[in-house]
């Protein structure tokens, strides 16, 4: 059973909505800037990829604002855009059959920080533990389900950067079992003082103070990544349903694979290559048929080297163009994979590969054909998206032009 993407909603540092985001990505326009929203002067990390210009009051009813924090507001807005893009009005929703499966990893920080602030300032009678847990369950998936009356299969997956691809794969499984439509993808945001500290604690984040030097995936000067916020929501439909409605189709979710890295010190090899091979096998695609790879791009030499080796081993040295658009706006946690999927679908539709901003000096031993400096025109039919989550998660997703 074919799973098609009929709607895309984007909320990202590069732009709000596909109309803003896509031109910025093609231009390699940097959205990395000094962190704002709180006093970041005491942090060792100064730069972030934050969404500018998002005013929730313009997109959501006032009654929802006190019940939600930023990540849920972004998710609700992106879902609204995706459903509108897919031409799904409330009259077309079969509420008991249509579902929501999203990924989130950082979404509770701002809300929980706010609740602790109430505790410190107003006393314990102002804080409801039940309310906190209820909000955390309802955030993103639950709120979208409630707002649009989608009472079919619902779920939340947590796998850090890999989780968004896992959510899309889960939605694809539901569709294969008979669910006609699933809203899927992922978003993250944790730019309160507590949330930002949690993102920088593991030492993988760049401490550079200039945007052009902060996030250099696959570059000889790579020194970490920039944390970001946002992501994408996709509308996935059964092929028959989408074709019967006669709506435009972005492309097909054709294959998926996942793996988990062995424990450090075990002497066993990283497992990203295995996830990639599983995704190609699931899609019945040969490596020679892949036109572009959207890399996870960790921005650390040790991790970049592992990913480059996996790509080079599967496709051959310089065997396929590779790109990392997130270099312009940062790694978005659970939102990063879905945003790469949305970007890959747009790239396939437009036959153009977005550039990897800032990266210029790729070591020859990496053996990859990284698209840098400017977008590259190329007839694209099949794309692979890779994602790795902190702790050992690996995921790969194959998307292709519908009808190919």
Protein backbone atom coordinates (compact mmCIF):
# COMPACT_ATOMS: atom_id res chain seq x y z
CA UNK A 1 0.00 0.00 0.00
CA UNK A 2 1.47 3.36 -1.06
CA UNK A 3 1.93 6.15 1.51
CA UNK A 4 1.85 9.61 -0.02
CA UNK A 5 2.59 13.07 1.40
CA UNK A 6 -0.17 15.53 0.50
CA UNK A 7 0.48 18.35 2.95
CA UNK A 8 3.47 20.07 4.55
CA UNK A 9 3.57 22.59 7.39
CA UNK A 10 6.93 24.11 8.31
CA UNK A 11 7.90 26.14 11.36
CA UNK A 12 11.66 26.60 11.28
CA UNK A 13 14.38 29.18 11.93
CA UNK A 14 14.71 29.57 8.15
CA UNK A 15 11.07 30.59 7.75
CA UNK A 16 7.47 30.13 8.76
CA UNK A 17 5.64 28.11 6.14
CA UNK A 18 7.01 26.48 3.00
CA UNK A 19 6.80 29.78 1.11
CA UNK A 20 9.37 31.41 3.43
CA UNK A 21 11.45 28.38 4.30
CA UNK A 22 12.18 26.90 0.86
CA UNK A 23 13.76 30.01 -0.76
CA UNK A 24 15.89 30.57 2.36
CA UNK A 25 17.16 26.98 2.27
CA UNK A 26 17.96 27.16 -1.44
CA UNK A 27 19.95 30.34 -0.83
CA UNK A 28 21.80 28.83 2.14
CA UNK A 29 20.64 31.79 4.19
CA UNK A 30 21.89 31.60 7.77
CA UNK A 31 19.32 31.72 10.56
CA UNK A 32 21.93 31.30 13.30
CA UNK A 33 22.18 34.22 15.71
CA UNK A 34 22.82 35.04 19.39
CA UNK A 35 20.33 33.27 21.63
CA UNK A 36 17.48 35.44 22.78
CA UNK A 37 14.34 35.22 24.89
CA UNK A 38 16.34 35.14 28.13
CA UNK A 39 19.72 36.33 29.41
CA UNK A 40 22.26 34.00 27.80
CA UNK A 41 25.36 35.91 28.87
CA UNK A 42 26.26 33.33 31.50
CA UNK A 43 26.29 30.39 29.10
CA UNK A 44 29.34 29.05 27.30
CA UNK A 45 27.19 28.59 24.16
CA UNK A 46 26.00 31.84 22.61
CA UNK A 47 24.41 30.97 19.25
CA UNK A 48 21.19 29.19 18.30
CA UNK A 49 18.77 28.70 15.46
CA UNK A 50 15.58 30.29 16.75
CA UNK A 51 12.35 31.07 14.94
CA UNK A 52 11.84 34.79 14.53
CA UNK A 53 8.53 36.49 14.04
CA UNK A 54 6.22 33.77 15.32
CA UNK A 55 3.30 35.43 17.10
CA UNK A 56 0.97 32.68 18.39
CA UNK A 57 -1.95 35.10 18.78
CA UNK A 58 -2.06 35.40 14.99
CA UNK A 59 -2.47 31.67 14.47
CA UNK A 60 -4.29 30.21 17.48
CA UNK A 61 -7.43 31.00 19.51
CA UNK A 62 -6.75 33.00 22.66
CA UNK A 63 -8.23 30.26 24.82
CA UNK A 64 -5.38 27.92 23.84
CA UNK A 65 -2.54 30.25 24.71
CA UNK A 66 -2.55 29.83 28.55
CA UNK A 67 -2.73 26.03 28.14
CA UNK A 68 0.27 25.67 25.84
CA UNK A 69 3.92 26.57 25.62
CA UNK A 70 5.94 27.53 22.55
CA UNK A 71 6.61 24.06 21.15
CA UNK A 72 2.92 23.11 21.29
CA UNK A 73 1.93 26.42 19.70
CA UNK A 74 4.41 25.78 16.88
CA UNK A 75 3.13 22.22 16.43
CA UNK A 76 -0.52 23.31 16.34
CA UNK A 77 0.27 25.99 13.78
CA UNK A 78 2.35 23.70 11.55
CA UNK A 79 -0.38 21.04 11.69
CA UNK A 80 -2.98 23.62 10.68
CA UNK A 81 -0.84 24.62 7.69
CA UNK A 82 -0.22 21.01 6.69
CA UNK A 83 -3.92 20.09 6.79
CA UNK A 84 -4.82 23.21 4.80
CA UNK A 85 -2.08 22.38 2.29
CA UNK A 86 -3.58 18.91 1.89
CA UNK A 87 -7.02 20.46 1.43
CA UNK A 88 -8.37 18.63 4.47
CA UNK A 89 -11.32 20.59 5.81
CA UNK A 90 -13.26 19.55 8.87
CA UNK A 91 -16.00 18.15 6.66
CA UNK A 92 -13.50 15.66 5.18
CA UNK A 93 -12.19 14.39 8.52
CA UNK A 94 -13.38 10.91 9.48
CA UNK A 95 -12.53 11.38 13.12
CA UNK A 96 -12.51 7.77 14.27
CA UNK A 97 -10.12 6.69 11.52
CA UNK A 98 -7.61 9.51 11.08
CA UNK A 99 -4.69 9.77 13.49
CA UNK A 100 -1.68 11.72 14.74
CA UNK A 101 1.85 10.42 15.35
CA UNK A 102 4.52 12.99 16.21
CA UNK A 103 7.92 13.04 17.84
CA UNK A 104 9.11 15.32 20.61
CA UNK A 105 12.07 15.25 22.94
CA UNK A 106 12.40 18.64 24.64
CA UNK A 107 8.85 19.93 24.72
CA UNK A 108 8.29 19.80 28.45
CA UNK A 109 11.10 22.10 29.53
CA UNK A 110 9.46 25.50 29.14
CA UNK A 111 6.16 24.43 30.66
CA UNK A 112 7.84 22.67 33.59
CA UNK A 113 10.12 25.66 34.15
CA UNK A 114 7.02 27.84 34.26
CA UNK A 115 5.37 25.55 36.81
CA UNK A 116 8.43 25.58 39.06
CA UNK A 117 8.48 29.36 38.81
CA UNK A 118 4.90 29.36 40.13
CA UNK A 119 5.96 27.08 42.96
CA UNK A 120 8.84 29.34 43.97
CA UNK A 121 6.85 32.56 43.68
CA UNK A 122 3.23 31.68 44.43
CA UNK A 123 3.36 28.64 46.67
CA UNK A 124 2.50 25.00 46.04
CA UNK A 125 -1.25 25.61 45.89
CA UNK A 126 -0.74 27.26 42.49
CA UNK A 127 0.91 24.18 40.93
CA UNK A 128 -0.97 21.10 39.82
CA UNK A 129 1.23 18.04 39.24
CA UNK A 130 -1.68 16.40 37.49
CA UNK A 131 -1.98 19.40 35.18
CA UNK A 132 1.74 19.16 34.35
CA UNK A 133 1.51 15.49 33.40
CA UNK A 134 -1.74 16.04 31.51
CA UNK A 135 -0.14 18.86 29.55
CA UNK A 136 2.93 16.78 28.74
CA UNK A 137 0.74 14.00 27.34
CA UNK A 138 -1.42 16.45 25.41
CA UNK A 139 1.48 18.49 24.02
CA UNK A 140 1.81 18.27 20.26
CA UNK A 141 0.06 14.96 19.49
CA UNK A 142 -2.79 15.28 21.96
CA UNK A 143 -3.49 18.94 21.26
CA UNK A 144 -3.55 18.37 17.49
CA UNK A 145 -5.81 15.34 17.94
CA UNK A 146 -8.19 17.32 20.15
CA UNK A 147 -8.19 20.45 18.00
CA UNK A 148 -8.97 18.60 14.77
CA UNK A 149 -11.04 15.77 16.23
CA UNK A 150 -8.65 13.07 15.01
CA UNK A 151 -9.54 10.09 17.18
CA UNK A 152 -7.78 7.38 15.21
CA UNK A 153 -4.32 5.95 16.05
CA UNK A 154 -2.20 8.41 18.04
CA UNK A 155 1.29 8.23 19.46
CA UNK A 156 4.45 10.05 20.53
CA UNK A 157 7.95 8.79 19.75
CA UNK A 158 11.10 9.96 21.51
CA UNK A 159 14.46 9.31 19.87
CA UNK A 160 16.03 12.78 19.92
CA UNK A 161 17.08 13.72 16.36
CA UNK A 162 16.09 10.28 14.99
CA UNK A 163 12.65 10.35 16.57
CA UNK A 164 11.00 12.40 13.84
CA UNK A 165 11.82 9.80 11.18
CA UNK A 166 10.57 7.07 13.51
CA UNK A 167 7.26 8.92 13.87
CA UNK A 168 6.81 9.16 10.11
CA UNK A 169 7.60 5.45 9.78
CA UNK A 170 5.04 4.67 12.48
CA UNK A 171 2.43 6.71 10.62
CA UNK A 172 3.27 4.77 7.47
CA UNK A 173 2.64 1.50 9.32
CA UNK A 174 -0.78 2.72 10.45
CA UNK A 175 -1.66 3.62 6.87
CA UNK A 176 -0.59 0.17 5.71
CA UNK A 177 -2.98 -1.31 8.28
CA UNK A 178 -5.90 0.65 6.91
CA UNK A 179 -5.82 4.15 8.42
CA UNK A 180 -6.54 6.54 5.52
CA UNK A 181 -4.71 9.61 6.89
CA UNK A 182 -2.17 10.35 9.62
CA UNK A 183 -0.69 13.70 10.64
CA UNK A 184 2.96 13.09 11.42
CA UNK A 185 6.39 14.66 11.86
CA UNK A 186 7.93 16.40 14.86
CA UNK A 187 8.88 19.67 16.50
CA UNK A 188 11.09 20.70 19.38
CA UNK A 189 11.82 23.89 21.28
CA UNK A 190 13.64 24.37 24.57
CA UNK A 191 14.87 27.95 24.74
CA UNK A 192 14.19 28.81 28.32
CA UNK A 193 17.20 28.95 30.73
CA UNK A 194 16.70 25.37 31.92
CA UNK A 195 15.99 23.92 28.49
CA UNK A 196 18.96 25.64 26.87
CA UNK A 197 21.28 24.37 29.60
CA UNK A 198 20.06 20.81 29.00
CA UNK A 199 20.91 21.09 25.30
CA UNK A 200 24.46 22.23 25.96
CA UNK A 201 25.32 19.86 28.82
CA UNK A 202 26.71 16.96 26.76
CA UNK A 203 29.49 19.03 25.16
CA UNK A 204 28.55 18.51 21.50
CA UNK A 205 27.36 22.08 20.94
CA UNK A 206 29.59 24.64 19.25
CA UNK A 207 31.00 27.48 21.32
CA UNK A 208 31.85 29.62 18.30
CA UNK A 209 30.65 33.21 18.40
CA UNK A 210 30.30 33.82 14.65
CA UNK A 211 27.43 32.25 12.70
CA UNK A 212 29.64 31.27 9.76
CA UNK A 213 31.97 29.28 12.03
CA UNK A 214 29.46 27.73 14.42
CA UNK A 215 28.06 24.74 12.53
CA UNK A 216 30.33 23.23 9.87
CA UNK A 217 29.19 19.66 9.16
CA UNK A 218 31.82 17.55 7.35
CA UNK A 219 34.25 20.48 7.39
CA UNK A 220 37.84 20.12 8.55
CA UNK A 221 37.07 22.87 11.07
CA UNK A 222 33.91 21.26 12.49
CA UNK A 223 33.59 22.11 16.18
CA UNK A 224 30.08 21.04 17.19
CA UNK A 225 26.55 21.93 16.21
CA UNK A 226 24.12 24.76 16.88
CA UNK A 227 20.88 23.91 18.75
CA UNK A 228 17.69 25.01 17.05
CA UNK A 229 13.92 24.86 17.34
CA UNK A 230 11.02 23.97 15.12
CA UNK A 231 10.39 21.21 12.60
CA UNK A 232 7.71 20.08 10.19
CA UNK A 233 4.33 18.40 10.16
CA UNK A 234 3.32 16.22 7.21
CA UNK A 235 -0.01 14.84 6.11
CA UNK A 236 0.43 11.21 5.08
CA UNK A 237 -2.33 9.51 3.12
CA UNK A 238 -3.12 6.17 1.67
CA UNK A 239 -2.50 6.40 -2.07
CA UNK A 240 -6.04 5.46 -3.03
CA UNK A 241 -7.52 8.08 -0.72
CA UNK A 242 -5.23 10.83 -2.02
CA UNK A 243 -5.83 10.00 -5.67
CA UNK A 244 -9.59 9.80 -5.14
CA UNK A 245 -9.49 13.33 -3.70
CA UNK A 246 -7.43 14.55 -6.64
CA UNK A 247 -5.01 16.58 -4.51
CA UNK A 248 -1.41 17.36 -5.50
CA UNK A 249 1.15 14.91 -4.13
CA UNK A 250 4.62 15.87 -2.87
CA UNK A 251 5.96 12.34 -3.02
CA UNK A 252 5.98 8.88 -1.50
CA UNK A 253 7.38 7.58 1.79
CA UNK A 254 9.01 4.55 0.21
CA UNK A 255 11.27 2.93 2.82
CA UNK A 256 12.49 3.03 6.40
CA UNK A 257 15.23 1.45 8.47
CA UNK A 258 16.46 1.83 12.04
CA UNK A 259 19.29 0.54 14.18
CA UNK A 260 20.93 1.19 17.52
CA UNK A 261 24.62 1.75 18.11
CA UNK A 262 26.52 -0.70 20.32
CA UNK A 263 27.60 0.52 23.74
CA UNK A 264 30.77 2.63 23.79
CA UNK A 265 33.91 0.59 24.28
CA UNK A 266 32.38 -2.61 22.94
CA UNK A 267 34.65 -2.63 19.89
CA UNK A 268 31.66 -3.08 17.60
CA UNK A 269 31.03 -0.78 14.64
CA UNK A 270 28.44 2.03 14.65
CA UNK A 271 25.11 0.93 13.17
CA UNK A 272 24.11 3.85 10.91
CA UNK A 273 25.10 1.90 7.80
CA UNK A 274 22.76 -0.91 8.80
CA UNK A 275 19.81 1.50 9.13
CA UNK A 276 20.59 2.92 5.69
CA UNK A 277 20.77 -0.52 4.09
CA UNK A 278 17.50 -1.55 5.72
CA UNK A 279 15.74 1.55 4.39
CA UNK A 280 16.95 0.88 0.84
CA UNK A 281 15.86 -2.76 1.08
CA UNK A 282 12.44 -1.75 2.42
CA UNK A 283 12.00 0.61 -0.53
CA UNK A 284 13.34 -2.01 -3.00
CA UNK A 285 15.86 0.61 -4.13
CA UNK A 286 19.43 -0.03 -5.23
CA UNK A 287 22.15 2.43 -4.12
CA UNK A 288 22.66 3.50 -7.76
CA UNK A 289 19.02 4.65 -7.86
CA UNK A 290 19.44 7.22 -5.06
CA UNK A 291 19.94 10.77 -6.29
CA UNK A 292 20.72 12.63 -3.06
CA UNK A 293 21.34 12.01 0.63
CA UNK A 294 20.20 14.47 3.31
CA UNK A 295 22.78 13.84 6.02
CA UNK A 296 22.30 13.82 9.77
CA UNK A 297 25.39 16.07 9.94
CA UNK A 298 26.42 16.10 13.59
CA UNK A 299 29.11 18.74 13.07
CA UNK A 300 31.77 16.88 15.09
CA UNK A 301 34.74 15.29 13.34
CA UNK A 302 34.32 11.89 15.02
CA UNK A 303 30.60 11.65 14.22
CA UNK A 304 30.92 13.21 10.75
CA UNK A 305 33.58 10.63 9.93
CA UNK A 306 31.23 7.78 10.92
CA UNK A 307 28.41 9.14 8.76
CA UNK A 308 30.68 9.83 5.79
CA UNK A 309 31.99 6.26 6.01
CA UNK A 310 28.47 4.82 6.03
CA UNK A 311 27.47 6.88 2.98
CA UNK A 312 30.69 6.10 1.11
CA UNK A 313 30.48 2.37 1.90
CA UNK A 314 26.91 2.08 0.60
CA UNK A 315 27.06 4.39 -2.42
CA UNK A 316 30.77 4.30 -3.22
CA UNK A 317 33.28 7.16 -2.84
CA UNK A 318 31.75 10.37 -4.26
CA UNK A 319 28.91 8.13 -5.42
CA UNK A 320 25.94 10.34 -4.53
CA UNK A 321 25.45 14.07 -3.80
CA UNK A 322 25.14 14.77 -0.08
CA UNK A 323 23.66 17.84 1.55
CA UNK A 324 23.07 19.20 5.05
CA UNK A 325 20.67 22.18 4.90
CA UNK A 326 20.49 22.26 8.69
CA UNK A 327 23.94 23.86 8.69
CA UNK A 328 22.08 27.14 8.10
CA UNK A 329 19.71 26.84 11.06
CA UNK A 330 20.90 24.16 13.50
CA UNK A 331 19.88 20.74 14.73
CA UNK A 332 16.23 20.78 15.78
CA UNK A 333 15.96 17.66 17.92
CA UNK A 334 12.82 15.71 17.04
CA UNK A 335 11.96 18.33 14.42
CA UNK A 336 15.17 17.92 12.41
CA UNK A 337 14.32 14.68 10.60
CA UNK A 338 10.81 15.72 9.51
CA UNK A 339 12.12 19.08 8.31
CA UNK A 340 14.74 17.24 6.23
CA UNK A 341 11.99 15.00 4.83
CA UNK A 342 9.95 18.06 3.87
CA UNK A 343 13.04 19.62 2.29
CA UNK A 344 13.83 16.40 0.42
CA UNK A 345 10.30 16.24 -0.98
CA UNK A 346 10.54 19.85 -2.16
CA UNK A 347 13.96 19.16 -3.66
CA UNK A 348 12.64 16.16 -5.58
CA UNK A 349 9.69 18.18 -6.81
CA UNK A 350 11.89 21.09 -7.97
CA UNK A 351 14.90 19.00 -9.11
CA UNK A 352 17.39 21.02 -7.09
CA UNK A 353 19.66 20.15 -4.16
CA UNK A 354 19.96 22.79 -1.41
CA UNK A 355 23.50 23.70 -0.34
CA UNK A 356 25.31 23.06 2.93
CA UNK A 357 25.85 26.56 4.30
CA UNK A 358 29.30 27.62 5.56
CA UNK A 359 31.07 24.27 4.99
CA UNK A 360 33.89 24.59 2.44
CA UNK A 361 36.83 22.37 3.43
CA UNK A 362 35.70 18.72 3.29
CA UNK A 363 38.53 16.23 3.98
CA UNK A 364 39.21 14.10 0.91
CA UNK A 365 39.27 10.95 3.01
CA UNK A 366 35.58 11.39 3.82
CA UNK A 367 34.82 10.32 0.26
CA UNK A 368 31.56 12.24 -0.07
CA UNK A 369 30.28 14.65 -2.71
CA UNK A 370 28.98 17.40 -0.41
CA UNK A 371 26.93 20.14 -2.08
CA UNK A 372 28.38 23.43 -0.83
CA UNK A 373 28.26 27.15 -1.64
CA UNK A 374 25.25 27.05 -3.98
CA UNK A 375 22.25 24.89 -4.84
CA UNK A 376 22.86 22.23 -7.49
CA UNK A 377 20.32 21.52 -10.22
CA UNK A 378 19.80 17.81 -10.78
CA UNK A 379 16.97 15.57 -11.88
CA UNK A 380 15.89 13.99 -8.60
CA UNK A 381 13.65 10.98 -8.21
CA UNK A 382 14.78 9.31 -4.98
CA UNK A 383 16.22 10.83 -1.81
CA UNK A 384 17.44 9.37 1.48
CA UNK A 385 17.20 11.19 4.81
CA UNK A 386 19.48 10.14 7.68
CA UNK A 387 19.10 10.99 11.37
CA UNK A 388 20.93 10.03 14.54
CA UNK A 389 19.73 10.64 18.08
CA UNK A 390 21.89 11.16 21.14
CA UNK A 391 22.30 7.82 22.90
CA UNK A 392 22.67 5.64 19.81
CA UNK A 393 19.48 5.98 17.75
CA UNK A 394 19.86 5.69 13.96
CA UNK A 395 17.09 6.10 11.39
CA UNK A 396 16.91 6.34 7.61
CA UNK A 397 13.96 7.20 5.39
CA UNK A 398 13.58 6.91 1.61
CA UNK A 399 11.32 9.35 -0.24
CA UNK A 400 10.72 9.37 -3.96
CA UNK A 401 8.80 11.08 -6.67
CA UNK A 402 5.29 9.66 -6.90
CA UNK A 403 4.84 7.41 -9.89
CA UNK A 404 8.56 6.78 -10.35
